[in-house]
Amino acid sequence: MEILMNLLLMLGGVAVFMFGMKQMSSGLERSAGSGIRNLFKKIQQKQSL
């Protein structure tokens, strides 16, 4: 029973971590705006040539 509880706690911790990473990622995308997206597009176009 203790092993099951530890496993559930670990899975819950991973889920909370993944949710936090998703929220941070979307927040950074919104705050960066179109300027950083254009920069990434330019870098990507240079690499594909």
C-alpha atoms as a PDB file:
ATOM      1  CA  MET A   1       0.000   0.000   0.000  1.00  0.00           C
ATOM      2  CA  GLU A   2       2.844   2.372   0.806  1.00  0.00           C
ATOM      3  CA  ILE A   3       4.449   1.736  -2.582  1.00  0.00           C
ATOM      4  CA  LEU A   4       1.174   2.597  -4.327  1.00  0.00           C
ATOM      5  CA  MET A   5       0.870   5.823  -2.361  1.00  0.00           C
ATOM      6  CA  ASN A   6       4.458   6.805  -3.189  1.00  0.00           C
ATOM      7  CA  LEU A   7       3.839   6.051  -6.862  1.00  0.00           C
ATOM      8  CA  LEU A   8       0.678   8.174  -6.894  1.00  0.00           C
ATOM      9  CA  LEU A   9       2.475  11.034  -5.154  1.00  0.00           C
ATOM     10  CA  MET A  10       5.298  10.864  -7.670  1.00  0.00           C
ATOM     11  CA  LEU A  11       2.874  10.862 -10.609  1.00  0.00           C
ATOM     12  CA  GLY A  12       1.005  13.787  -9.073  1.00  0.00           C
ATOM     13  CA  GLY A  13       4.245  15.701  -8.673  1.00  0.00           C
ATOM     14  CA  VAL A  14       5.193  15.066 -12.284  1.00  0.00           C
ATOM     15  CA  ALA A  15       1.731  16.188 -13.406  1.00  0.00           C
ATOM     16  CA  VAL A  16       2.005  19.437 -11.439  1.00  0.00           C
ATOM     17  CA  PHE A  17       5.501  20.010 -12.841  1.00  0.00           C
ATOM     18  CA  MET A  18       4.308  19.459 -16.421  1.00  0.00           C
ATOM     19  CA  PHE A  19       1.343  21.776 -15.888  1.00  0.00           C
ATOM     20  CA  GLY A  20       3.667  24.471 -14.528  1.00  0.00           C
ATOM     21  CA  MET A  21       6.015  24.113 -17.490  1.00  0.00           C
ATOM     22  CA  LYS A  22       3.076  24.461 -19.904  1.00  0.00           C
ATOM     23  CA  GLN A  23       1.837  27.580 -18.112  1.00  0.00           C
ATOM     24  CA  MET A  24       5.314  29.116 -18.079  1.00  0.00           C
ATOM     25  CA  SER A  25       5.795  28.359 -21.765  1.00  0.00           C
ATOM     26  CA  SER A  26       2.525  29.949 -22.792  1.00  0.00           C
ATOM     27  CA  GLY A  27       3.235  32.969 -20.600  1.00  0.00           C
ATOM     28  CA  LEU A  28       6.638  33.458 -22.190  1.00  0.00           C
ATOM     29  CA  GLU A  29       5.142  33.174 -25.658  1.00  0.00           C
ATOM     30  CA  ARG A  30       2.562  35.843 -24.860  1.00  0.00           C
ATOM     31  CA  SER A  31       5.058  38.197 -23.257  1.00  0.00           C
ATOM     32  CA  ALA A  32       7.652  37.801 -26.005  1.00  0.00           C
ATOM     33  CA  GLY A  33       5.273  39.039 -28.660  1.00  0.00           C
ATOM     34  CA  SER A  34       5.811  38.956 -32.384  1.00  0.00           C
ATOM     35  CA  GLY A  35       9.376  40.274 -32.258  1.00  0.00           C
ATOM     36  CA  ILE A  36      10.909  37.106 -30.871  1.00  0.00           C
ATOM     37  CA  ARG A  37       8.774  34.952 -33.178  1.00  0.00           C
ATOM     38  CA  ASN A  38      10.075  36.844 -36.199  1.00  0.00           C
ATOM     39  CA  LEU A  39      13.618  36.398 -34.938  1.00  0.00           C
ATOM     40  CA  PHE A  40      13.105  32.641 -34.621  1.00  0.00           C
ATOM     41  CA  LYS A  41      11.619  32.510 -38.127  1.00  0.00           C
ATOM     42  CA  LYS A  42      14.668  34.292 -39.544  1.00  0.00           C
ATOM     43  CA  ILE A  43      17.030  31.924 -37.740  1.00  0.00           C
ATOM     44  CA  GLN A  44      15.075  28.928 -38.935  1.00  0.00           C
ATOM     45  CA  GLN A  45      15.091  30.146 -42.564  1.00  0.00           C
ATOM     46  CA  LYS A  46      18.873  30.627 -42.461  1.00  0.00           C
ATOM     47  CA  GLN A  47      19.386  27.099 -41.155  1.00  0.00           C
ATOM     48  CA  SER A  48      17.180  25.499 -43.811  1.00  0.00           C
ATOM     49  CA  LEU A  49      19.050  27.073 -46.728  1.00  0.00           C
END
